Protein backbone atom coordinates (compact mmCIF):
# COMPACT_ATOMS: atom_id res chain seq x y z
CA MET A 1 89.24 105.55 144.28
CA ASN A 2 87.38 107.58 141.69
CA VAL A 3 88.27 106.83 138.09
CA LEU A 4 87.00 107.93 134.71
CA ARG A 5 85.29 104.66 134.05
CA VAL A 6 81.78 103.35 133.91
CA VAL A 7 81.46 99.61 134.30
CA ASN A 8 77.99 98.83 133.07
CA ALA A 9 77.18 95.14 132.88
CA VAL A 10 74.03 95.84 130.94
CA ALA A 11 75.91 97.91 128.38
CA ILE A 12 78.58 95.23 128.01
CA GLY A 13 75.94 92.65 127.23
CA LEU A 14 73.78 94.81 125.01
CA ALA A 15 76.08 97.31 123.32
CA LEU A 16 76.35 95.22 120.18
CA ALA A 17 72.77 94.00 120.31
CA ALA A 18 71.83 96.92 118.08
CA VAL A 19 74.24 95.53 115.52
CA THR A 20 73.27 92.67 113.21
CA GLN A 21 71.71 89.69 114.98
CA ALA A 22 71.54 87.60 111.81
CA ASP A 23 72.90 87.84 108.29
CA ASP A 24 69.78 89.41 106.84
CA GLN A 25 69.35 92.18 109.43
CA ALA A 26 70.82 95.65 108.99
CA PRO A 27 72.64 97.28 111.92
CA VAL A 28 71.27 100.40 113.56
CA ALA A 29 73.40 103.43 112.66
CA LYS A 30 75.24 105.25 115.42
CA LYS A 31 75.67 109.00 115.63
CA ALA A 32 78.75 109.99 113.64
CA SER A 33 80.48 111.85 116.47
CA ARG A 34 83.68 111.57 118.46
CA GLU A 35 83.69 111.54 122.25
CA THR A 36 86.15 113.38 124.49
CA VAL A 37 88.07 111.99 127.46
CA THR A 38 89.04 114.48 130.17
CA SER A 39 91.44 114.15 133.09
CA GLY A 40 91.98 117.27 135.18
CA GLY A 41 92.77 120.02 132.70
CA TRP A 42 93.71 117.56 129.95
CA SER A 43 91.31 116.45 127.25
CA PHE A 44 91.55 114.19 124.23
CA GLN A 45 89.10 113.58 121.42
CA LEU A 46 88.81 109.85 120.81
CA PRO A 47 88.61 108.34 117.34
CA LEU A 48 85.13 107.51 116.06
CA GLY A 49 83.57 104.47 117.73
CA LEU A 50 85.27 104.69 121.15
CA GLU A 51 83.42 105.55 124.36
CA ALA A 52 84.84 108.11 126.76
CA ALA A 53 82.77 106.87 129.72
CA SER A 54 84.72 103.60 129.72
CA ALA A 55 88.15 105.22 130.00
CA PHE A 56 90.16 104.11 133.05
CA ILE A 57 92.47 106.81 134.42
CA PRO A 58 93.49 106.48 138.08
CA GLU A 59 92.85 109.60 140.14
CA ASN A 60 96.46 109.57 141.40
CA ASN A 61 97.88 109.69 137.86
CA PRO A 62 96.05 112.43 135.95
CA MET A 63 96.96 112.90 132.32
CA THR A 64 99.04 115.84 131.07
CA ASP A 65 100.75 116.46 127.73
CA GLU A 66 104.11 116.68 129.50
CA LYS A 67 103.67 113.35 131.26
CA ILE A 68 102.55 111.65 128.06
CA ALA A 69 105.56 113.00 126.15
CA LEU A 70 107.93 111.78 128.89
CA GLY A 71 106.26 108.38 128.99
CA LYS A 72 106.63 107.97 125.25
CA LEU A 73 110.38 108.56 125.45
CA LEU A 74 110.74 106.10 128.34
CA TYR A 75 108.63 103.52 126.43
CA PHE A 76 110.91 103.59 123.37
CA ASP A 77 114.22 103.89 125.26
CA PRO A 78 116.21 100.61 125.50
CA ARG A 79 118.59 101.89 128.17
CA TRP A 80 116.44 100.47 130.98
CA SER A 81 117.33 96.90 130.03
CA LYS A 82 120.37 95.03 131.30
CA ASP A 83 122.23 95.09 127.99
CA LYS A 84 120.64 98.31 126.65
CA SER A 85 118.98 96.39 123.82
CA ILE A 86 115.32 95.96 124.86
CA SER A 87 112.67 98.63 125.29
CA CYS A 88 108.93 98.37 125.91
CA ALA A 89 108.55 98.84 122.16
CA SER A 90 110.70 95.80 121.43
CA CYS A 91 107.88 93.45 122.45
CA HIS A 92 105.00 95.91 121.91
CA ASN A 93 106.03 97.23 118.52
CA PRO A 94 103.91 99.95 116.87
CA TYR A 95 104.70 98.46 113.45
CA HIS A 96 103.08 95.18 114.51
CA GLY A 97 99.93 96.49 116.18
CA PHE A 98 101.89 97.15 119.39
CA THR A 99 102.60 93.44 119.73
CA ASP A 100 105.40 91.09 118.64
CA PRO A 101 105.21 89.11 115.37
CA ALA A 102 106.80 86.11 117.11
CA PRO A 103 104.74 83.66 119.20
CA THR A 104 106.68 84.74 122.31
CA SER A 105 109.13 87.61 122.60
CA LYS A 106 112.90 87.54 122.93
CA GLY A 107 114.33 89.47 125.84
CA VAL A 108 117.86 90.17 127.02
CA GLY A 109 120.23 87.40 125.93
CA PHE A 110 117.58 86.12 123.48
CA LYS A 111 115.68 84.46 126.30
CA LEU A 112 112.11 83.63 125.32
CA GLY A 113 109.09 84.72 127.32
CA GLY A 114 106.33 82.25 128.09
CA ARG A 115 103.40 84.12 126.54
CA ASN A 116 102.51 86.13 123.47
CA SER A 117 102.83 89.90 123.85
CA PRO A 118 99.35 91.44 124.19
CA THR A 119 98.65 94.68 122.37
CA VAL A 120 98.90 98.07 124.05
CA ILE A 121 96.12 99.41 121.80
CA ASN A 122 93.03 100.63 123.69
CA ARG A 123 94.39 99.71 127.11
CA LEU A 124 92.87 103.06 128.12
CA PHE A 125 89.67 101.08 128.54
CA SER A 126 91.06 98.41 130.87
CA ASP A 127 92.21 98.27 134.46
CA LYS A 128 93.75 94.80 134.98
CA GLN A 129 96.64 93.92 132.66
CA PHE A 130 98.49 90.86 131.33
CA TRP A 131 96.85 87.69 130.01
CA ASP A 132 96.16 86.59 133.59
CA GLY A 133 95.18 90.00 134.98
CA ARG A 134 97.95 89.98 137.58
CA ALA A 135 98.62 93.73 137.33
CA ALA A 136 95.93 96.02 138.76
CA ASP A 137 96.54 98.72 136.17
CA LEU A 138 99.01 99.97 133.55
CA GLU A 139 101.13 101.58 136.27
CA GLU A 140 101.68 98.24 137.98
CA GLN A 141 102.15 96.51 134.63
CA ALA A 142 105.00 98.88 133.73
CA HIS A 143 107.00 97.64 136.71
CA GLY A 144 107.04 93.98 135.67
CA PRO A 145 109.03 93.65 132.42
CA LEU A 146 111.87 95.86 133.68
CA ILE A 147 113.02 93.29 136.24
CA ASN A 148 111.74 90.13 134.56
CA PRO A 149 114.86 87.97 133.89
CA VAL A 150 113.59 86.90 130.45
CA GLU A 151 112.55 90.41 129.40
CA MET A 152 114.54 93.54 130.29
CA ALA A 153 116.38 91.73 133.12
CA MET A 154 117.35 94.66 135.34
CA HIS A 155 118.43 93.55 138.80
CA SER A 156 116.01 95.85 140.63
CA HIS A 157 113.77 98.86 140.18
CA ASP A 158 116.38 100.92 142.03
CA ASP A 159 118.80 100.05 139.24
CA VAL A 160 116.25 101.23 136.68
CA VAL A 161 115.97 104.57 138.49
CA THR A 162 119.77 104.86 138.58
CA GLU A 163 120.01 104.34 134.83
CA VAL A 164 117.32 106.92 134.09
CA LYS A 165 119.10 109.44 136.34
CA LYS A 166 122.32 108.94 134.37
CA VAL A 167 120.63 110.46 131.31
CA LYS A 168 120.83 114.17 132.12
CA GLY A 169 118.19 115.10 129.59
CA TYR A 170 115.48 113.34 131.56
CA ALA A 171 115.59 115.50 134.73
CA PRO A 172 113.99 118.60 133.13
CA LEU A 173 111.36 116.40 131.50
CA PHE A 174 110.41 114.89 134.88
CA GLU A 175 110.20 118.43 136.28
CA LYS A 176 107.79 119.45 133.51
CA ALA A 177 105.70 116.32 133.99
CA PHE A 178 105.65 116.12 137.81
CA GLY A 179 106.67 119.54 139.13
CA SER A 180 110.14 118.54 140.35
CA LYS A 181 113.24 116.85 138.97
CA GLU A 182 112.87 113.85 141.29
CA ILE A 183 113.08 110.56 139.42
CA ASN A 184 111.64 107.46 141.05
CA MET A 185 110.02 104.23 139.94
CA THR A 186 106.50 105.43 140.67
CA ARG A 187 106.93 108.38 138.34
CA ILE A 188 108.58 106.28 135.65
CA ALA A 189 105.64 103.85 135.67
CA GLN A 190 103.07 106.65 135.77
CA ALA A 191 104.60 108.35 132.74
CA ILE A 192 104.76 105.13 130.72
CA ALA A 193 101.15 104.33 131.64
CA ALA A 194 100.03 107.83 130.65
CA TYR A 195 101.61 107.41 127.22
CA GLU A 196 100.09 103.97 126.74
CA ARG A 197 96.61 105.34 127.47
CA THR A 198 96.92 107.56 124.40
CA VAL A 199 97.56 104.57 122.11
CA VAL A 200 93.99 104.11 120.96
CA SER A 201 92.39 102.94 117.74
CA GLY A 202 89.01 103.69 116.23
CA ASN A 203 87.50 105.17 113.06
CA SER A 204 87.72 101.77 111.42
CA SER A 205 85.65 100.68 108.44
CA PHE A 206 83.27 99.12 110.97
CA ASP A 207 82.90 102.40 112.88
CA ARG A 208 82.20 104.37 109.70
CA TYR A 209 79.68 101.74 108.59
CA MET A 210 77.93 101.94 111.93
CA ALA A 211 77.87 105.74 111.66
CA GLY A 212 75.96 105.50 108.39
CA ASP A 213 78.52 105.00 105.62
CA LYS A 214 77.15 101.83 104.03
CA ASP A 215 80.08 101.67 101.59
CA ALA A 216 82.65 101.45 104.38
CA MET A 217 82.52 97.64 104.64
CA SER A 218 82.44 95.02 101.94
CA ALA A 219 79.48 92.70 101.50
CA SER A 220 81.61 89.87 102.92
CA ALA A 221 82.48 91.92 106.02
CA VAL A 222 78.81 92.78 106.55
CA ARG A 223 77.93 89.08 106.38
CA GLY A 224 80.76 88.42 108.81
CA MET A 225 79.30 90.98 111.20
CA GLY A 226 76.03 89.10 111.14
CA LEU A 227 77.83 85.86 111.93
CA PHE A 228 79.86 87.57 114.68
CA ASN A 229 76.67 88.61 116.44
CA GLY A 230 74.68 85.51 115.54
CA LYS A 231 75.72 82.00 114.55
CA ALA A 232 79.38 82.35 115.56
CA ASN A 233 78.44 83.88 118.95
CA CYS A 234 81.66 85.93 119.08
CA LYS A 235 79.97 88.90 120.75
CA THR A 236 79.43 86.93 123.96
CA CYS A 237 83.05 87.55 124.98
CA HIS A 238 84.20 90.10 122.38
CA ALA A 239 81.58 92.54 123.60
CA ALA A 240 80.78 96.24 123.29
CA PHE A 241 82.71 98.96 121.44
CA ASN A 242 86.16 97.59 122.33
CA PHE A 243 85.22 93.99 121.47
CA THR A 244 86.18 92.50 124.82
CA ASP A 245 84.37 91.69 128.04
CA GLU A 246 87.66 92.22 129.95
CA SER A 247 87.12 88.81 131.51
CA TYR A 248 88.87 85.42 131.40
CA HIS A 249 87.88 82.28 129.51
CA ASN A 250 89.22 78.79 128.87
CA LEU A 251 89.28 77.93 125.15
CA GLY A 252 91.41 74.86 125.69
CA VAL A 253 94.46 76.43 124.04
CA GLY A 254 97.50 74.52 125.31
CA ALA A 255 95.35 72.17 127.42
CA ASP A 256 96.75 69.22 125.50
CA LYS A 257 100.35 70.04 126.48
CA PRO A 258 102.16 68.07 129.20
CA LYS A 259 102.19 71.12 131.52
CA PRO A 260 99.40 73.48 130.48
CA ASP A 261 99.65 77.15 131.39
CA GLN A 262 97.13 77.64 134.21
CA GLY A 263 96.44 81.29 133.31
CA ARG A 264 94.12 83.22 135.61
CA TYR A 265 94.15 80.38 138.17
CA GLU A 266 97.69 81.34 139.21
CA GLN A 267 96.30 84.64 140.48
CA THR A 268 92.96 83.59 141.95
CA LYS A 269 93.51 79.92 142.92
CA VAL A 270 89.89 79.39 141.86
CA GLU A 271 89.53 75.97 140.22
CA ALA A 272 87.22 77.29 137.51
CA ASP A 273 89.94 79.75 136.39
CA LYS A 274 92.36 77.03 135.29
CA GLY A 275 93.46 77.63 131.72
CA ALA A 276 91.47 80.88 131.51
CA PHE A 277 93.00 83.91 129.81
CA LYS A 278 91.85 87.47 129.25
CA THR A 279 89.69 88.24 126.22
CA PRO A 280 91.79 90.51 123.99
CA THR A 281 90.34 93.47 122.14
CA LEU A 282 89.69 92.81 118.45
CA ARG A 283 90.53 96.38 117.52
CA ASN A 284 93.34 96.20 114.90
CA VAL A 285 93.43 92.44 115.40
CA ALA A 286 94.50 91.89 111.78
CA GLU A 287 97.85 93.49 112.70
CA THR A 288 98.57 91.56 115.89
CA ALA A 289 99.32 88.03 114.68
CA PRO A 290 100.10 85.46 115.96
CA TYR A 291 97.19 84.87 118.31
CA MET A 292 96.22 83.31 121.64
CA HIS A 293 98.21 83.57 124.87
CA ASP A 294 100.91 81.29 123.48
CA GLY A 295 100.98 82.64 119.92
CA SER A 296 99.97 79.20 118.65
CA GLU A 297 97.53 80.38 115.97
CA ALA A 298 99.30 82.12 113.08
CA THR A 299 96.30 83.64 111.28
CA LEU A 300 92.80 84.88 111.95
CA LYS A 301 91.47 82.04 109.84
CA GLN A 302 93.19 79.53 112.11
CA VAL A 303 91.68 81.24 115.16
CA ILE A 304 88.18 80.98 113.72
CA GLU A 305 88.75 77.34 112.78
CA LEU A 306 89.75 76.66 116.40
CA TYR A 307 86.46 78.12 117.57
CA ASN A 308 84.64 76.27 114.80
CA ARG A 309 85.96 72.97 116.21
CA GLY A 310 84.73 73.94 119.67
CA GLY A 311 88.17 74.72 121.09
CA VAL A 312 90.24 72.04 122.77
CA LYS A 313 88.29 69.83 125.15
CA ASN A 314 89.30 69.95 128.81
CA ALA A 315 87.65 69.91 132.22
CA TYR A 316 87.51 73.70 132.46
CA LEU A 317 86.41 74.62 128.92
CA SER A 318 84.18 77.68 128.86
CA LYS A 319 80.49 76.79 128.54
CA GLU A 320 80.27 79.23 125.63
CA ILE A 321 82.76 77.25 123.52
CA LYS A 322 80.93 74.79 121.28
CA PRO A 323 81.32 73.60 117.67
CA LEU A 324 79.93 76.29 115.35
CA ASN A 325 79.41 74.38 112.09
CA LEU A 326 80.63 77.31 110.03
CA THR A 327 81.11 76.83 106.30
CA ALA A 328 84.33 77.82 104.54
CA GLN A 329 82.59 80.93 103.19
CA GLU A 330 81.40 81.88 106.66
CA VAL A 331 84.92 81.55 108.04
CA ASP A 332 86.17 83.86 105.29
CA ASP A 333 83.38 86.36 105.99
CA LEU A 334 84.31 86.47 109.67
CA VAL A 335 87.93 87.16 108.73
CA GLN A 336 86.77 90.03 106.51
CA PHE A 337 84.75 91.51 109.35
CA MET A 338 87.65 91.35 111.78
CA GLN A 339 89.90 93.01 109.22
CA ALA A 340 87.34 95.82 109.09
CA LEU A 341 88.06 96.53 112.78
CA SER A 342 91.49 98.01 111.98
CA GLY A 343 91.49 101.76 112.41
CA GLU A 344 93.72 104.76 112.99
CA VAL A 345 96.18 104.27 115.87
CA ASN A 346 96.94 107.42 117.82
CA ASN A 347 100.45 108.41 119.00
CA ALA A 348 102.14 105.37 117.44
CA GLU A 349 105.12 106.99 115.72
CA PRO A 350 108.42 106.43 117.58
CA PRO A 351 110.25 109.56 118.81
CA LYS A 352 112.82 111.01 116.43
CA GLU A 353 115.47 111.09 119.16
CA LEU A 354 115.93 110.17 122.81
CA PRO A 355 117.26 112.39 125.63
CA ARG A 356 121.00 112.54 126.21
């Protein structure tokens, strides 16, 4: 299957190498230009700092304005949950960095999920979804929460389709998006995925600094950038322009619990994947607290202190996780740098009204 994506292992490893390698080195400025993603006849100019070549858009779900608009309505509509109270936006809230401010989200009947809600931001640049990568793409991901008994709790996807069909205002929108009024689960998921791919963030203080505006970041944030790429070794996993290697690592989070979450292992059954979870993007990370797959770290400072201790020891701890010996000032500088990664989020405002 052809997709608008370039997976370049060399670029992943070296994209931030031009940035500071130590505190006293200045980063190399990038060209101050915005790149454009295209899909069929649709095009979209990305915010500064994002790379169009890394966009993932399946060939069988090309982007259109009509599909995106439909997907946005479906994303914010709570009528596809058992008690009509939970929408996609309930757990991936645009006012909280498209995450949930609670460690784990409450679904229908106030049932708690087992993991922290990952952000939707910049999922355009990722194929596999969820903390354990169990969904092949955003289309497959959109199917899961609808029938999860602790999330939206619908009995089946057929029931979801039935509920959407009951809202007469949706039929003409499906016709505009897909060429006919037919409503099915494949189209519902494709529309939601199309909308989610437009939720991107860039043009942060970091991006403007890298483009040549040396006043865009504070002195503390600049020092933090040096630590990020040097002593703290963050760039090993939080790599390239989206600050993630899209891979899975064991930090030891939850390893000291009686029944640790096995993470990626549940999908691969590979022993080395036990306790490994996907590296999240750091774009807008200051808005997505709490952190880690279980929401156990309340602040960015606590996250850095976890890394500073060398994670939580266990048999499957990533070889990259070691004590960092950061000072209190260095921890604060790293926090300042990560705050500088917050940028403008596209298409985040909820719709003014839903179809009737």
